[in-house]
Amino acid sequence: MLLYLDVETTGLEARDRICSLGLITVDENGAVETFNALVKPPLKVSTEAMAVHHLTNEMLKEAPCIEKSETWDVLQKYNSVDDVLVSHNVNFELEMLAKEGLLWRGGLLDTMKCSKHLIGEIDRFSLQYLRYELGLYRSEQEEAEKVGVTLIAHNALSDAFHTKMLHAYLTEMADDERLMELSVTPVLIKKLNFGKYKGHYLEEVAMQDAGYLQWLFKQEIDEDLTHSINVYLKGL
C-alpha cells in the first residue's frame, strides 16, 4: 500500500501539533481512497499558520481529537513494514505523527529529497513551486476529479494529491526502490540559495572563501547542506 500524506499544523515550533490530515491510499491493484480530517489540537493555531492554511481556531473548535478521526485510524491500520508512506519532506510528517504517538514502521519515500536528487538546474523544491515548474498543473484538474479531490493550495488533501502527482513524475526517472534509497541519501547541493553567496556554486565558494563555509557548517543548517559543505571542503 502507498499512503500519500500531508498534514497542516498549528505552527512550526517544537511544541506545535497537527490540526488537519490529508491521506490518499493506493493499493496493489491501483484502487484509490481519499481521507481528509480536521482535528482539534491541544493548543491554538498561530496567526502565521492560519495565514498559510486558513484553518482558524473557530473552525477546529468542534472537530474531534486526532485519535477519533477516520484518517488517523487508516494510518494506524497501514502502519506496517509492508506499506510505504509518501510525503513531501517526510521527516516533518514523521515528527508530527510522533508527537501524536504514531511511530511509522513502514517504508518511506520523500518526494522533496528525490526531486533534489533527480531534477537539476532549479534551486526551489516546495511542492507548489514544483507543481508549476514541472507542468503538473496541466493535467491536475482531470486527475483530481477522478479521485474526488478539490484542489486548494495548502489544503492537506490537495497537497497529498499533488504529492501523488509528483511521485508519478519521479517514477519516470527512477523506480520506487531507487526513490526510497534516495529518500534517505543526503543530497549534494551545488548552489547556495541564500546569504551573501546566493546563486554561487558551493565548489566556487569553497575555493574562494572556505572560511565562510566553515562558519556556515557550524550553524543550524539542514543535513543536505551540511553534507555538501563537508564534501566541497574535503575536496580542497
Protein backbone atom coordinates (compact mmCIF):
# COMPACT_ATOMS: atom_id res chain seq x y z
CA MET A 1 0.00 0.00 0.00
CA LEU A 2 1.18 3.51 -0.85
CA LEU A 3 -0.03 6.23 1.53
CA TYR A 4 0.31 9.83 0.35
CA LEU A 5 0.18 12.04 3.44
CA ASP A 6 0.16 15.74 4.15
CA VAL A 7 -0.50 17.44 7.47
CA GLU A 8 -1.27 21.02 8.43
CA THR A 9 -0.17 22.17 11.86
CA THR A 10 -0.71 24.83 14.48
CA GLY A 11 2.71 26.27 13.65
CA LEU A 12 6.33 25.31 13.09
CA GLU A 13 7.66 25.44 16.65
CA ALA A 14 8.74 22.35 18.58
CA ARG A 15 5.52 22.40 20.60
CA ASP A 16 3.12 22.65 17.63
CA ARG A 17 0.70 19.89 16.67
CA ILE A 18 -1.40 18.56 13.80
CA CYS A 19 -4.71 20.28 13.03
CA SER A 20 -5.51 18.66 9.67
CA LEU A 21 -4.59 15.46 7.81
CA GLY A 22 -5.00 14.59 4.14
CA LEU A 23 -4.40 11.00 3.07
CA ILE A 24 -4.64 9.13 -0.23
CA THR A 25 -4.17 5.36 -0.27
CA VAL A 26 -3.37 3.31 -3.36
CA ASP A 27 -3.42 -0.48 -3.06
CA GLU A 28 -1.56 -3.05 -5.18
CA ASN A 29 -4.45 -3.10 -7.68
CA GLY A 30 -4.41 0.68 -8.10
CA ALA A 31 -7.60 1.28 -6.12
CA VAL A 32 -7.60 4.79 -4.64
CA GLU A 33 -9.25 6.05 -1.46
CA THR A 34 -9.10 9.55 -0.02
CA PHE A 35 -9.38 10.68 3.60
CA ASN A 36 -9.48 14.22 4.94
CA ALA A 37 -9.84 15.33 8.53
CA LEU A 38 -9.85 18.45 10.62
CA VAL A 39 -8.76 17.63 14.15
CA LYS A 40 -8.83 19.64 17.34
CA PRO A 41 -5.25 20.24 18.52
CA PRO A 42 -4.29 20.64 22.18
CA LEU A 43 -3.17 24.25 21.59
CA LYS A 44 -4.29 27.18 19.49
CA VAL A 45 -3.34 27.71 15.85
CA SER A 46 -0.85 30.54 15.40
CA THR A 47 -1.72 33.50 13.22
CA GLU A 48 1.24 32.69 10.98
CA ALA A 49 -0.11 29.16 10.40
CA MET A 50 -3.64 30.43 9.76
CA ALA A 51 -2.26 32.76 7.09
CA VAL A 52 -0.88 29.72 5.26
CA HIS A 53 -3.58 27.05 5.54
CA HIS A 54 -6.56 29.25 6.52
CA LEU A 55 -7.68 26.95 9.32
CA THR A 56 -8.90 29.02 12.26
CA ASN A 57 -9.40 28.06 15.88
CA GLU A 58 -13.15 28.53 15.40
CA MET A 59 -13.15 26.01 12.53
CA LEU A 60 -11.42 23.43 14.72
CA LYS A 61 -13.41 24.03 17.88
CA GLU A 62 -15.93 21.24 17.24
CA ALA A 63 -13.52 18.88 15.42
CA PRO A 64 -12.69 15.52 17.03
CA CYS A 65 -9.34 14.87 18.64
CA ILE A 66 -6.92 13.17 16.28
CA GLU A 67 -7.36 9.70 17.80
CA LYS A 68 -11.07 9.75 16.90
CA SER A 69 -10.65 10.65 13.22
CA GLU A 70 -11.09 8.11 10.44
CA THR A 71 -7.90 9.32 8.76
CA TRP A 72 -5.92 8.50 11.90
CA ASP A 73 -7.48 5.04 12.03
CA VAL A 74 -6.35 4.38 8.43
CA LEU A 75 -2.80 5.46 9.24
CA GLN A 76 -2.76 3.13 12.23
CA LYS A 77 -4.16 0.26 10.14
CA TYR A 78 -1.44 0.50 7.50
CA ASN A 79 1.46 1.28 9.80
CA SER A 80 3.39 -1.84 8.82
CA VAL A 81 6.63 -2.85 7.16
CA ASP A 82 4.68 -3.76 4.02
CA ASP A 83 3.39 -0.24 3.39
CA VAL A 84 5.10 2.95 2.20
CA LEU A 85 4.48 6.48 3.43
CA VAL A 86 4.98 9.06 0.66
CA SER A 87 5.29 12.73 1.58
CA HIS A 88 6.96 15.97 0.52
CA ASN A 89 9.52 16.46 3.30
CA VAL A 90 8.67 13.21 5.02
CA ASN A 91 10.75 13.94 8.11
CA PHE A 92 8.35 16.73 9.03
CA GLU A 93 5.37 14.37 8.78
CA LEU A 94 7.19 11.74 10.84
CA GLU A 95 7.99 14.30 13.53
CA MET A 96 4.39 15.46 13.73
CA LEU A 97 2.99 11.92 13.77
CA ALA A 98 5.39 11.01 16.57
CA LYS A 99 4.01 13.85 18.70
CA GLU A 100 0.62 12.15 18.42
CA GLY A 101 2.06 8.77 19.40
CA LEU A 102 2.46 7.14 15.97
CA LEU A 103 5.93 5.86 15.09
CA TRP A 104 5.92 4.86 11.43
CA ARG A 105 7.21 1.30 10.85
CA GLY A 106 6.93 1.06 7.07
CA GLY A 107 8.92 2.31 4.10
CA LEU A 108 9.50 5.99 3.35
CA LEU A 109 9.52 7.93 0.11
CA ASP A 110 10.31 11.65 0.25
CA THR A 111 9.31 13.42 -2.97
CA MET A 112 11.19 16.57 -1.96
CA LYS A 113 14.51 14.82 -1.41
CA CYS A 114 14.04 12.72 -4.56
CA SER A 115 13.34 15.88 -6.57
CA LYS A 116 16.57 17.42 -5.28
CA HIS A 117 18.49 14.34 -6.39
CA LEU A 118 16.87 13.90 -9.80
CA ILE A 119 15.83 17.32 -11.06
CA GLY A 120 18.71 19.66 -11.83
CA GLU A 121 19.01 23.36 -12.62
CA ILE A 122 16.43 24.58 -10.11
CA ASP A 123 17.02 25.63 -6.54
CA ARG A 124 13.47 25.69 -5.15
CA PHE A 125 11.71 22.50 -4.21
CA SER A 126 8.49 23.45 -2.45
CA LEU A 127 5.53 21.36 -3.56
CA GLN A 128 3.68 24.32 -5.07
CA TYR A 129 6.77 25.51 -6.95
CA LEU A 130 7.33 22.06 -8.46
CA ARG A 131 3.62 21.83 -9.33
CA TYR A 132 4.11 24.68 -11.79
CA GLU A 133 7.78 24.26 -12.73
CA LEU A 134 7.19 20.67 -13.86
CA GLY A 135 3.86 21.40 -15.53
CA LEU A 136 1.86 19.13 -13.24
CA TYR A 137 -0.93 21.70 -13.20
CA ARG A 138 -1.76 20.96 -16.84
CA SER A 139 -3.43 17.64 -16.04
CA GLU A 140 -4.20 18.09 -12.36
CA GLN A 141 -7.88 19.01 -12.65
CA GLU A 142 -8.77 15.93 -14.67
CA GLU A 143 -6.80 13.67 -12.37
CA ALA A 144 -8.24 15.27 -9.23
CA GLU A 145 -11.80 14.78 -10.45
CA LYS A 146 -11.12 11.06 -10.90
CA VAL A 147 -10.44 10.66 -7.18
CA GLY A 148 -12.81 13.35 -5.91
CA VAL A 149 -10.23 15.84 -4.68
CA THR A 150 -10.83 19.61 -4.67
CA LEU A 151 -7.64 21.50 -5.43
CA ILE A 152 -6.81 24.14 -2.81
CA ALA A 153 -3.20 25.16 -2.15
CA HIS A 154 -2.05 24.28 1.39
CA ASN A 155 -5.10 22.11 1.99
CA ALA A 156 -3.90 18.80 3.41
CA LEU A 157 -5.78 16.52 0.99
CA SER A 158 -5.00 18.72 -2.00
CA ASP A 159 -1.30 18.72 -1.10
CA ALA A 160 -1.37 14.93 -0.65
CA PHE A 161 -2.81 14.74 -4.18
CA HIS A 162 -0.02 16.93 -5.59
CA THR A 163 2.50 14.73 -3.79
CA LYS A 164 0.93 11.77 -5.62
CA MET A 165 1.27 13.59 -8.95
CA LEU A 166 4.90 14.47 -8.22
CA HIS A 167 5.61 10.86 -7.29
CA ALA A 168 4.23 9.75 -10.66
CA TYR A 169 6.54 12.26 -12.38
CA LEU A 170 9.56 10.97 -10.46
CA THR A 171 8.82 7.34 -11.32
CA GLU A 172 9.60 8.22 -14.95
CA MET A 173 13.21 8.69 -13.81
CA ALA A 174 13.56 6.00 -11.13
CA ASP A 175 11.56 3.10 -9.75
CA ASP A 176 10.20 3.13 -6.20
CA GLU A 177 13.07 1.06 -4.83
CA ARG A 178 15.55 3.67 -6.07
CA LEU A 179 13.34 6.55 -4.89
CA MET A 180 13.24 5.06 -1.41
CA GLU A 181 17.04 4.83 -1.42
CA LEU A 182 17.33 8.46 -2.50
CA SER A 183 14.88 9.45 0.25
CA VAL A 184 17.48 8.58 2.90
CA THR A 185 20.57 9.69 0.94
CA PRO A 186 21.99 13.18 1.58
CA VAL A 187 21.72 15.49 -1.42
CA LEU A 188 24.86 17.08 -2.85
CA ILE A 189 23.81 20.71 -3.21
CA LYS A 190 25.60 22.58 -5.98
CA LYS A 191 24.46 26.17 -5.40
CA LEU A 192 23.70 28.27 -2.35
CA ASN A 193 20.22 29.79 -2.38
CA PHE A 194 20.71 32.30 0.46
CA GLY A 195 23.26 34.59 2.06
CA LYS A 196 25.99 36.68 0.52
CA TYR A 197 26.88 33.91 -1.94
CA LYS A 198 23.34 33.25 -3.10
CA GLY A 199 23.41 31.79 -6.60
CA HIS A 200 27.10 30.86 -6.38
CA TYR A 201 28.35 27.29 -6.76
CA LEU A 202 29.50 25.75 -3.49
CA GLU A 203 32.65 24.48 -5.17
CA GLU A 204 33.49 28.05 -6.17
CA VAL A 205 32.82 29.39 -2.67
CA ALA A 206 34.96 26.62 -1.16
CA MET A 207 37.94 27.72 -3.25
CA GLN A 208 37.45 31.48 -2.76
CA ASP A 209 36.14 31.73 0.80
CA ALA A 210 36.46 28.43 2.67
CA GLY A 211 36.17 30.30 5.96
CA TYR A 212 32.59 31.25 5.14
CA LEU A 213 31.65 27.64 4.55
CA GLN A 214 33.44 26.59 7.74
CA TRP A 215 31.37 29.17 9.64
CA LEU A 216 28.16 28.09 7.91
CA PHE A 217 28.89 24.45 8.74
CA LYS A 218 28.69 25.29 12.46
CA GLN A 219 25.25 26.89 12.13
CA GLU A 220 21.89 25.15 12.38
CA ILE A 221 21.53 24.04 8.76
CA ASP A 222 19.87 21.01 7.21
CA GLU A 223 21.65 17.70 6.67
CA ASP A 224 21.93 18.15 2.90
CA LEU A 225 23.81 21.44 3.19
CA THR A 226 25.97 20.04 5.99
CA HIS A 227 26.85 17.06 3.80
CA SER A 228 27.57 19.26 0.77
CA ILE A 229 29.81 21.70 2.61
CA ASN A 230 31.75 18.80 4.06
CA VAL A 231 32.25 17.27 0.58
CA TYR A 232 33.47 20.51 -1.01
CA LEU A 233 35.77 21.45 1.86
CA LYS A 234 37.35 17.98 1.81
CA GLY A 235 37.96 18.41 -1.92
CA LEU A 236 40.28 21.39 -1.38
